[in-house]
């Protein structure tokens, strides 16, 4: 118990440090731009609530407050009710300068994300290795002479850093023939492969075309189990090996995934290997709806598990690190916007697309336990996500202010104070409701409501025993 408390304390400490870095960097972007453009900054606050510490320096009060879940920069004349017609006030500046001050908060978050990714590639990017576990018979890889135990080193001249990157390179390749470099017995060999084109659901359960060379890198070991999933309800555990699905032997994760998806009947019979003992489980799968190549929805069976795998660190020279950091930032940005689009259009559940402080705490804690590379990677991802979220055209977010400045530029004058006030009220109400919903998802994800329900039931049972 003491070990768990210490672990949670360390996790909380790291979480606060990470959150503070993100907030300070974001607000510093506003702060330094305002200073450079001659706007007086009255307050620079890390956190909300009661003031713990403050210091006045060059006309700016720097504050540390109790609740480290945000921060702000207050500039002179940043609201109409606080203007006095002075040249160093925010609203006295031209629209372009005001927009730049607001924009540079998210921009600096993007820069932080980029620097984190570049540093990760220098010291070692943590990813699942591209060691081939299985080559399918008659597949493009088999026809090209690729063997089990080979490492894929590069595709079309680009070095590969892990399985996810390999998938991205395959997806982004416009060539019919792939030029691979594989490593076998310490030697690097060139191989040409003509991939098959298959239809598979992507991360967002949307059907897409995918280049497939017919290899698997994975074992049949469970590495993650979703909350409240069929797997969790039937006591499957991380580390279990799935050796059979409905009587069909499974040797890697591709076998597991395909046999679960192709199973028929109401139940799936799974045989696990746990501590050398075979255990049989019968599960009722969830049906996830995805669209095929013709846009027709079909059900895919899932039981709420993901593969388990070791990671290795992929290190690169400074020039390659700088280039790959840009690719990583672009990929994270595109994926975040895709997640927002699919969530807004109802194609994915918000439970799969969003997470709040509780989820981020868990991810940061886990990353910190796994090393500095994992922590920097998560810091970069969260920083980029924070920038994207802040650019949404909703008041009080930065994107909302930029949107109003754009309207002011087009009209030649700002909206009326009453109109802006109503827009602000609506935007703030939306953000508050969104925050409450995200907290609800977070608490549901960690089982808080289930724990409360169980506690209430236990109290009822105790009361019945006492009074009967």
Protein backbone atom coordinates (compact mmCIF):
# COMPACT_ATOMS: atom_id res chain seq x y z
CA UNK A 1 0.00 0.00 0.00
CA UNK A 2 2.86 2.38 0.89
CA UNK A 3 4.48 1.64 -2.48
CA UNK A 4 1.22 2.50 -4.27
CA UNK A 5 0.90 5.77 -2.30
CA UNK A 6 4.48 6.74 -3.18
CA UNK A 7 3.86 5.87 -6.82
CA UNK A 8 0.71 8.04 -6.90
CA UNK A 9 2.55 10.88 -5.13
CA UNK A 10 5.38 10.76 -7.67
CA UNK A 11 2.85 10.56 -10.50
CA UNK A 12 0.98 13.59 -9.13
CA UNK A 13 4.22 15.55 -8.82
CA UNK A 14 5.26 14.77 -12.41
CA UNK A 15 1.72 15.56 -13.64
CA UNK A 16 1.80 19.00 -11.97
CA UNK A 17 5.26 19.70 -13.44
CA UNK A 18 4.12 18.69 -16.95
CA UNK A 19 0.91 20.72 -16.66
CA UNK A 20 2.83 23.73 -15.34
CA UNK A 21 5.29 23.57 -18.26
CA UNK A 22 2.42 23.49 -20.76
CA UNK A 23 0.63 26.42 -19.12
CA UNK A 24 3.73 28.59 -18.61
CA UNK A 25 4.88 28.03 -22.20
CA UNK A 26 1.42 28.87 -23.58
CA UNK A 27 1.01 32.02 -21.51
CA UNK A 28 4.62 33.04 -22.18
CA UNK A 29 3.74 33.08 -25.90
CA UNK A 30 1.04 35.68 -25.18
CA UNK A 31 3.25 37.52 -22.68
CA UNK A 32 6.41 37.94 -24.75
CA UNK A 33 4.47 38.97 -27.88
CA UNK A 34 2.47 41.55 -25.92
CA UNK A 35 5.68 42.97 -24.44
CA UNK A 36 7.37 43.15 -27.86
CA UNK A 37 4.36 45.00 -29.30
CA UNK A 38 4.25 47.51 -26.46
CA UNK A 39 1.26 46.18 -24.52
CA UNK A 40 1.43 46.47 -20.73
CA UNK A 41 1.03 43.09 -19.01
CA UNK A 42 -0.49 43.52 -15.56
CA UNK A 43 -0.64 39.88 -14.37
CA UNK A 44 0.98 36.55 -15.25
CA UNK A 45 -0.67 33.76 -13.27
CA UNK A 46 0.02 30.05 -13.05
CA UNK A 47 -3.09 28.38 -11.68
CA UNK A 48 -6.44 29.58 -10.34
CA UNK A 49 -7.95 30.14 -6.91
CA UNK A 50 -6.25 31.52 -3.79
CA UNK A 51 -2.88 33.18 -4.29
CA UNK A 52 0.11 31.25 -2.88
CA UNK A 53 2.90 33.53 -4.04
CA UNK A 54 3.28 36.80 -5.95
CA UNK A 55 6.06 39.13 -7.04
CA UNK A 56 5.87 42.50 -8.80
CA UNK A 57 8.53 43.01 -11.48
CA UNK A 58 8.65 45.70 -14.19
CA UNK A 59 4.96 46.47 -13.75
CA UNK A 60 3.82 42.83 -13.99
CA UNK A 61 2.58 40.82 -11.00
CA UNK A 62 3.73 37.19 -11.28
CA UNK A 63 1.49 34.83 -9.30
CA UNK A 64 1.35 31.19 -8.29
CA UNK A 65 -2.16 30.05 -7.31
CA UNK A 66 -3.51 26.97 -5.56
CA UNK A 67 -5.20 25.07 -8.42
CA UNK A 68 -2.66 24.27 -11.18
CA UNK A 69 -5.27 23.51 -13.87
CA UNK A 70 -4.67 26.54 -16.05
CA UNK A 71 -3.27 30.03 -16.07
CA UNK A 72 -3.67 33.42 -17.68
CA UNK A 73 -2.01 36.66 -18.76
CA UNK A 74 -3.94 39.86 -18.02
CA UNK A 75 -3.10 42.83 -20.22
CA UNK A 76 -4.01 46.47 -19.71
CA UNK A 77 -7.21 47.33 -21.57
CA UNK A 78 -7.97 43.78 -22.70
CA UNK A 79 -11.71 44.39 -22.10
CA UNK A 80 -13.77 47.38 -23.17
CA UNK A 81 -14.79 48.09 -19.59
CA UNK A 82 -11.10 48.36 -18.62
CA UNK A 83 -9.89 50.69 -21.40
CA UNK A 84 -8.65 54.23 -20.74
CA UNK A 85 -7.48 55.16 -24.23
CA UNK A 86 -3.79 54.56 -23.43
CA UNK A 87 -1.44 53.45 -26.25
CA UNK A 88 -0.09 50.52 -24.20
CA UNK A 89 -3.55 48.91 -23.87
CA UNK A 90 -4.41 45.72 -25.74
CA UNK A 91 -7.52 47.10 -27.47
CA UNK A 92 -5.58 50.19 -28.59
CA UNK A 93 -3.45 48.02 -30.87
CA UNK A 94 -4.36 47.21 -34.51
CA UNK A 95 -6.28 44.01 -35.26
CA UNK A 96 -3.19 42.34 -36.73
CA UNK A 97 -1.11 42.91 -33.58
CA UNK A 98 -3.91 41.75 -31.29
CA UNK A 99 -4.34 38.60 -33.39
CA UNK A 100 -0.60 37.90 -33.20
CA UNK A 101 -0.59 38.27 -29.40
CA UNK A 102 -3.46 35.78 -29.09
CA UNK A 103 -2.13 33.40 -31.76
CA UNK A 104 1.34 33.07 -30.28
CA UNK A 105 0.10 31.12 -27.26
CA UNK A 106 -0.84 28.08 -29.38
CA UNK A 107 2.15 28.69 -31.69
CA UNK A 108 4.59 28.34 -28.79
CA UNK A 109 2.80 25.13 -27.75
CA UNK A 110 3.41 23.78 -31.27
CA UNK A 111 7.08 24.82 -30.98
CA UNK A 112 7.37 23.03 -27.62
CA UNK A 113 5.83 19.89 -29.14
CA UNK A 114 8.28 20.05 -32.05
CA UNK A 115 11.29 20.44 -29.73
CA UNK A 116 10.08 17.54 -27.56
CA UNK A 117 9.75 15.27 -30.61
CA UNK A 118 13.20 16.30 -31.94
CA UNK A 119 14.76 15.56 -28.55
CA UNK A 120 13.00 12.20 -28.38
CA UNK A 121 14.43 11.17 -31.76
CA UNK A 122 17.90 12.20 -30.56
CA UNK A 123 17.85 10.30 -27.26
CA UNK A 124 15.67 7.43 -28.47
CA UNK A 125 12.11 7.18 -29.82
CA UNK A 126 10.24 4.41 -27.93
CA UNK A 127 8.40 2.14 -30.37
CA UNK A 128 7.56 -1.50 -31.03
CA UNK A 129 10.37 -3.06 -33.10
CA UNK A 130 9.90 -4.13 -36.72
CA UNK A 131 11.08 -7.68 -36.09
CA UNK A 132 8.95 -9.96 -38.27
CA UNK A 133 7.23 -12.67 -36.26
CA UNK A 134 5.30 -14.29 -39.10
CA UNK A 135 5.24 -14.23 -42.91
CA UNK A 136 1.93 -15.28 -44.46
CA UNK A 137 2.17 -17.95 -47.12
CA UNK A 138 1.74 -16.67 -50.72
CA UNK A 139 1.87 -13.06 -49.44
CA UNK A 140 3.86 -10.29 -51.19
CA UNK A 141 6.53 -10.61 -48.48
CA UNK A 142 6.80 -14.37 -48.95
CA UNK A 143 7.10 -13.96 -52.74
CA UNK A 144 9.89 -11.40 -52.19
CA UNK A 145 11.83 -13.83 -50.00
CA UNK A 146 11.27 -12.09 -46.66
CA UNK A 147 11.63 -14.47 -43.71
CA UNK A 148 10.59 -14.70 -40.08
CA UNK A 149 13.22 -13.02 -37.90
CA UNK A 150 14.01 -10.31 -40.48
CA UNK A 151 14.04 -6.65 -39.39
CA UNK A 152 12.57 -3.98 -41.69
CA UNK A 153 15.10 -1.12 -41.60
CA UNK A 154 13.78 1.29 -44.25
CA UNK A 155 11.11 1.78 -46.93
CA UNK A 156 11.80 3.76 -50.11
CA UNK A 157 14.91 5.29 -48.54
CA UNK A 158 13.22 6.35 -45.28
CA UNK A 159 14.45 4.81 -42.04
CA UNK A 160 11.70 3.10 -40.06
CA UNK A 161 11.26 3.81 -36.34
CA UNK A 162 8.78 1.21 -35.19
CA UNK A 163 5.64 -0.48 -36.40
CA UNK A 164 3.34 2.56 -36.35
CA UNK A 165 5.83 4.51 -38.46
CA UNK A 166 6.04 1.57 -40.85
CA UNK A 167 2.25 1.69 -41.25
CA UNK A 168 2.40 5.44 -41.92
CA UNK A 169 5.09 4.96 -44.58
CA UNK A 170 3.09 2.20 -46.25
CA UNK A 171 -0.05 4.36 -46.17
CA UNK A 172 1.75 7.42 -47.53
CA UNK A 173 3.61 5.63 -50.33
CA UNK A 174 2.36 6.35 -53.86
CA UNK A 175 4.64 3.77 -55.45
CA UNK A 176 3.35 0.41 -56.67
CA UNK A 177 6.63 -1.27 -55.74
CA UNK A 178 8.16 -0.81 -52.29
CA UNK A 179 11.95 -0.77 -51.94
CA UNK A 180 12.73 -2.27 -48.53
CA UNK A 181 15.99 -2.73 -46.68
CA UNK A 182 15.82 -5.69 -44.30
CA UNK A 183 18.35 -6.84 -41.73
CA UNK A 184 19.08 -10.56 -41.56
CA UNK A 185 21.86 -12.15 -39.51
CA UNK A 186 23.56 -8.76 -39.15
CA UNK A 187 23.52 -8.05 -42.89
CA UNK A 188 21.33 -5.49 -44.70
CA UNK A 189 19.60 -6.77 -47.83
CA UNK A 190 17.56 -4.85 -50.46
CA UNK A 191 14.12 -6.33 -51.23
CA UNK A 192 11.40 -5.21 -53.64
CA UNK A 193 7.79 -5.91 -52.64
CA UNK A 194 4.55 -5.28 -54.55
CA UNK A 195 1.94 -4.88 -51.76
CA UNK A 196 -1.66 -6.05 -51.80
CA UNK A 197 -4.41 -3.44 -51.39
CA UNK A 198 -6.88 -4.42 -48.66
CA UNK A 199 -9.78 -2.70 -46.85
CA UNK A 200 -9.46 -2.44 -43.06
CA UNK A 201 -10.96 -0.26 -40.30
CA UNK A 202 -8.61 2.47 -39.13
CA UNK A 203 -8.06 3.91 -35.65
CA UNK A 204 -11.45 5.66 -35.88
CA UNK A 205 -13.31 2.53 -37.08
CA UNK A 206 -13.58 3.99 -40.61
CA UNK A 207 -12.91 1.58 -43.48
CA UNK A 208 -9.87 2.54 -45.56
CA UNK A 209 -7.54 1.17 -48.19
CA UNK A 210 -4.29 -0.17 -46.82
CA UNK A 211 -1.11 -1.51 -48.39
CA UNK A 212 -0.41 -4.96 -46.96
CA UNK A 213 2.80 -6.92 -47.48
CA UNK A 214 1.64 -9.94 -45.46
CA UNK A 215 3.82 -9.88 -42.36
CA UNK A 216 3.09 -9.76 -38.65
CA UNK A 217 5.31 -8.29 -35.94
CA UNK A 218 3.23 -9.24 -32.96
CA UNK A 219 2.74 -12.08 -30.54
CA UNK A 220 -0.60 -13.33 -29.23
CA UNK A 221 -0.10 -11.64 -25.85
CA UNK A 222 -2.66 -9.18 -24.42
CA UNK A 223 -1.07 -5.84 -23.56
CA UNK A 224 -4.11 -3.70 -22.77
CA UNK A 225 -7.74 -4.27 -21.77
CA UNK A 226 -10.48 -1.65 -22.18
CA UNK A 227 -12.57 -0.60 -19.19
CA UNK A 228 -15.98 -2.29 -18.96
CA UNK A 229 -15.24 -4.40 -22.06
CA UNK A 230 -16.20 -8.07 -22.62
CA UNK A 231 -12.55 -8.96 -21.91
CA UNK A 232 -12.53 -7.17 -18.55
CA UNK A 233 -15.93 -8.57 -17.54
CA UNK A 234 -14.66 -12.10 -18.21
CA UNK A 235 -11.44 -11.63 -16.21
CA UNK A 236 -8.95 -11.62 -19.08
CA UNK A 237 -5.64 -10.18 -17.89
CA UNK A 238 -2.71 -8.29 -19.36
CA UNK A 239 -0.03 -10.87 -20.13
CA UNK A 240 -2.48 -13.64 -21.09
CA UNK A 241 -1.69 -15.30 -24.42
CA UNK A 242 -4.65 -16.09 -26.67
CA UNK A 243 -3.75 -19.44 -28.22
CA UNK A 244 -7.14 -20.34 -29.69
CA UNK A 245 -10.32 -18.60 -30.90
CA UNK A 246 -13.37 -20.77 -31.65
CA UNK A 247 -11.15 -23.81 -32.12
CA UNK A 248 -8.68 -22.07 -34.47
CA UNK A 249 -5.08 -21.79 -33.26
CA UNK A 250 -3.69 -18.24 -33.03
CA UNK A 251 0.05 -17.55 -33.20
CA UNK A 252 0.17 -13.75 -33.51
CA UNK A 253 -2.09 -10.71 -33.06
CA UNK A 254 -3.22 -10.77 -36.66
CA UNK A 255 -4.59 -14.28 -36.07
CA UNK A 256 -6.32 -13.12 -32.87
CA UNK A 257 -7.88 -10.05 -34.51
CA UNK A 258 -9.04 -11.84 -37.65
CA UNK A 259 -10.53 -14.84 -35.84
CA UNK A 260 -12.45 -12.64 -33.38
CA UNK A 261 -13.75 -10.47 -36.25
CA UNK A 262 -14.71 -13.53 -38.35
CA UNK A 263 -16.34 -15.50 -35.52
CA UNK A 264 -20.01 -16.43 -35.76
CA UNK A 265 -22.61 -17.10 -33.10
CA UNK A 266 -23.48 -15.15 -29.99
CA UNK A 267 -20.40 -16.27 -28.05
CA UNK A 268 -16.68 -16.46 -28.77
CA UNK A 269 -14.76 -19.33 -27.18
CA UNK A 270 -11.22 -18.28 -26.31
CA UNK A 271 -8.41 -20.41 -24.88
CA UNK A 272 -5.80 -18.48 -22.89
CA UNK A 273 -2.34 -19.44 -21.69
CA UNK A 274 -1.71 -17.98 -18.22
CA UNK A 275 1.27 -19.03 -16.07
CA UNK A 276 1.63 -22.20 -18.11
CA UNK A 277 -2.02 -23.18 -17.62
CA UNK A 278 -4.69 -23.24 -20.34
CA UNK A 279 -7.92 -21.42 -19.40
CA UNK A 280 -11.10 -21.38 -21.47
CA UNK A 281 -13.35 -18.30 -21.58
CA UNK A 282 -16.66 -17.65 -23.35
CA UNK A 283 -17.30 -14.01 -24.25
CA UNK A 284 -20.16 -12.10 -25.84
CA UNK A 285 -18.41 -9.61 -28.17
CA UNK A 286 -19.28 -5.96 -28.81
CA UNK A 287 -20.33 -5.06 -32.34
CA UNK A 288 -18.54 -1.96 -33.69
CA UNK A 289 -20.08 -0.48 -36.85
CA UNK A 290 -17.65 0.47 -39.64
CA UNK A 291 -18.19 1.45 -43.28
CA UNK A 292 -16.79 -0.69 -46.09
CA UNK A 293 -15.38 0.60 -49.40
CA UNK A 294 -18.92 1.11 -50.74
CA UNK A 295 -19.97 3.18 -47.72
CA UNK A 296 -22.13 0.36 -46.36
CA UNK A 297 -22.03 -0.11 -42.60
CA UNK A 298 -21.09 -3.51 -41.25
CA UNK A 299 -20.52 -4.86 -37.77
CA UNK A 300 -17.02 -5.85 -36.60
CA UNK A 301 -16.68 -7.97 -33.46
CA UNK A 302 -14.45 -6.62 -30.68
CA UNK A 303 -13.78 -7.78 -27.12
CA UNK A 304 -11.80 -4.74 -25.90
CA UNK A 305 -8.18 -5.87 -26.03
CA UNK A 306 -4.99 -4.64 -27.67
CA UNK A 307 -1.68 -6.32 -28.34
CA UNK A 308 1.17 -6.38 -25.89
CA UNK A 309 4.71 -5.71 -27.01
CA UNK A 310 8.10 -4.62 -25.84
CA UNK A 311 9.53 -1.37 -27.16
CA UNK A 312 13.01 -0.37 -28.20
CA UNK A 313 14.60 3.06 -28.60
CA UNK A 314 15.22 4.25 -32.17
CA UNK A 315 18.00 6.89 -32.21
CA UNK A 316 18.81 9.25 -35.09
CA UNK A 317 21.35 11.94 -35.99
CA UNK A 318 20.38 15.61 -35.42
CA UNK A 319 19.38 16.29 -39.05
CA UNK A 320 17.13 13.23 -39.25
CA UNK A 321 15.70 14.01 -35.80
CA UNK A 322 14.72 17.51 -36.91
CA UNK A 323 13.02 16.15 -40.05
CA UNK A 324 11.21 13.32 -38.26
CA UNK A 325 10.06 15.72 -35.51
CA UNK A 326 8.23 17.73 -38.17
CA UNK A 327 6.64 14.54 -39.56
CA UNK A 328 5.56 13.52 -36.05
CA UNK A 329 4.03 16.93 -35.30
CA UNK A 330 2.18 16.92 -38.64
CA UNK A 331 0.86 13.41 -37.96
CA UNK A 332 -0.34 14.26 -34.43
CA UNK A 333 -2.02 17.44 -35.73
CA UNK A 334 -3.84 15.63 -38.54
CA UNK A 335 -4.93 12.80 -36.23
CA UNK A 336 -6.24 15.28 -33.63
CA UNK A 337 -8.30 17.16 -36.22
CA UNK A 338 -9.58 13.84 -37.58
CA UNK A 339 -10.63 12.80 -34.08
CA UNK A 340 -12.48 16.11 -33.61
CA UNK A 341 -14.18 15.80 -37.01
CA UNK A 342 -15.31 12.20 -36.45
CA UNK A 343 -16.55 13.06 -32.95
CA UNK A 344 -18.52 16.12 -34.16
CA UNK A 345 -20.06 14.17 -37.06
CA UNK A 346 -20.98 11.26 -34.77
CA UNK A 347 -18.72 8.73 -36.50
CA UNK A 348 -16.87 7.97 -33.26
CA UNK A 349 -17.85 8.12 -29.62
CA UNK A 350 -16.45 10.99 -27.50
CA UNK A 351 -15.27 8.29 -25.07
CA UNK A 352 -12.78 7.20 -27.74
CA UNK A 353 -11.75 10.71 -28.79
CA UNK A 354 -11.38 12.89 -25.69
CA UNK A 355 -9.77 12.77 -22.30
CA UNK A 356 -9.38 15.23 -19.46
CA UNK A 357 -7.03 15.74 -16.51
CA UNK A 358 -7.75 12.29 -15.03
CA UNK A 359 -6.81 10.49 -18.25
CA UNK A 360 -3.79 12.76 -18.83
CA UNK A 361 -2.65 12.09 -15.24
CA UNK A 362 -2.71 8.34 -15.89
CA UNK A 363 -0.86 8.67 -19.20
CA UNK A 364 1.78 11.03 -17.74
CA UNK A 365 2.29 8.79 -14.68
CA UNK A 366 2.74 5.72 -16.89
CA UNK A 367 5.13 7.59 -19.21
CA UNK A 368 7.23 8.85 -16.30
CA UNK A 369 7.60 5.30 -14.99
CA UNK A 370 8.84 4.15 -18.41
CA UNK A 371 11.54 6.81 -18.85
CA UNK A 372 12.37 10.27 -20.14
CA UNK A 373 11.72 9.41 -23.81
CA UNK A 374 8.14 8.33 -23.09
CA UNK A 375 7.57 11.41 -20.91
CA UNK A 376 8.90 13.83 -23.54
CA UNK A 377 6.79 12.13 -26.19
CA UNK A 378 3.63 12.54 -24.10
CA UNK A 379 4.57 16.16 -23.29
CA UNK A 380 4.85 16.84 -27.02
CA UNK A 381 1.54 15.17 -27.85
CA UNK A 382 -0.36 16.99 -25.09
CA UNK A 383 1.25 20.33 -26.01
CA UNK A 384 0.19 19.95 -29.65
CA UNK A 385 -3.32 18.90 -28.58
CA UNK A 386 -3.56 21.93 -26.27
CA UNK A 387 -2.59 24.22 -29.16
CA UNK A 388 -5.21 22.68 -31.45
CA UNK A 389 -7.93 22.86 -28.79
CA UNK A 390 -7.13 26.52 -28.10
CA UNK A 391 -7.48 27.36 -31.79
CA UNK A 392 -11.14 26.29 -31.84
CA UNK A 393 -13.25 29.35 -32.84
CA UNK A 394 -15.06 29.53 -29.49
CA UNK A 395 -14.84 32.28 -26.87
CA UNK A 396 -13.00 32.26 -24.41
CA UNK A 397 -10.44 30.17 -26.36
CA UNK A 398 -7.71 31.89 -28.39
CA UNK A 399 -9.35 30.79 -31.64
CA UNK A 400 -12.58 32.50 -30.59
CA UNK A 401 -10.82 35.83 -30.07
CA UNK A 402 -9.04 35.51 -33.43
CA UNK A 403 -12.42 34.78 -35.04
CA UNK A 404 -13.89 37.99 -33.59
CA UNK A 405 -10.82 39.96 -34.73
CA UNK A 406 -11.40 38.57 -38.23
CA UNK A 407 -15.00 39.80 -38.18
CA UNK A 408 -13.78 43.20 -36.96
CA UNK A 409 -11.28 43.38 -39.83
CA UNK A 410 -13.96 42.53 -42.42
CA UNK A 411 -16.53 44.98 -40.99
CA UNK A 412 -14.05 47.76 -40.34
CA UNK A 413 -15.29 47.99 -36.75
CA UNK A 414 -15.84 45.57 -33.83
CA UNK A 415 -19.16 43.98 -33.01
CA UNK A 416 -21.27 45.78 -30.42
CA UNK A 417 -20.34 45.18 -26.81
CA UNK A 418 -23.72 43.52 -26.21
CA UNK A 419 -23.25 41.10 -29.15
CA UNK A 420 -19.73 40.18 -28.03
CA UNK A 421 -21.03 39.65 -24.51
CA UNK A 422 -23.67 37.18 -25.74
CA UNK A 423 -21.13 35.35 -27.91
CA UNK A 424 -18.83 35.12 -24.89
CA UNK A 425 -21.62 33.81 -22.65
CA UNK A 426 -22.59 31.11 -25.17
CA UNK A 427 -18.96 30.10 -25.73
CA UNK A 428 -18.16 29.98 -22.03
CA UNK A 429 -21.28 27.91 -21.34
CA UNK A 430 -20.23 25.45 -24.05
CA UNK A 431 -16.71 25.15 -22.62
CA UNK A 432 -18.06 24.58 -19.09
CA UNK A 433 -20.47 21.89 -20.32
CA UNK A 434 -17.68 20.29 -22.38
CA UNK A 435 -15.38 20.30 -19.34
CA UNK A 436 -18.05 18.68 -17.17
CA UNK A 437 -18.70 16.04 -19.84
CA UNK A 438 -14.97 15.30 -20.17
CA UNK A 439 -14.69 14.91 -16.39
CA UNK A 440 -17.70 12.56 -16.50
CA UNK A 441 -15.99 10.45 -19.19
CA UNK A 442 -12.75 10.46 -17.17
CA UNK A 443 -14.48 9.36 -13.97
CA UNK A 444 -16.48 6.70 -15.81
CA UNK A 445 -13.28 5.48 -17.46
CA UNK A 446 -11.57 4.92 -14.09
CA UNK A 447 -14.67 3.27 -12.61
CA UNK A 448 -15.59 6.00 -10.09
CA UNK A 449 -19.35 5.68 -10.60
CA UNK A 450 -19.19 1.90 -10.38
CA UNK A 451 -17.22 2.24 -7.12
CA UNK A 452 -19.82 4.69 -5.72
CA UNK A 453 -22.64 2.31 -6.69
CA UNK A 454 -20.88 -0.62 -5.03
CA UNK A 455 -20.22 1.48 -1.91
CA UNK A 456 -23.90 2.49 -1.69
CA UNK A 457 -24.95 -1.15 -2.05
CA UNK A 458 -22.50 -2.16 0.68
CA UNK A 459 -23.89 0.53 3.01
CA UNK A 460 -27.43 -0.69 2.31
CA UNK A 461 -26.45 -4.25 3.17
CA UNK A 462 -24.75 -3.09 6.38
CA UNK A 463 -27.83 -1.05 7.35
CA UNK A 464 -30.12 -4.03 6.79
CA UNK A 465 -27.91 -6.22 9.00
CA UNK A 466 -27.79 -3.60 11.76
CA UNK A 467 -31.52 -2.83 11.88
CA UNK A 468 -32.85 -6.37 11.29
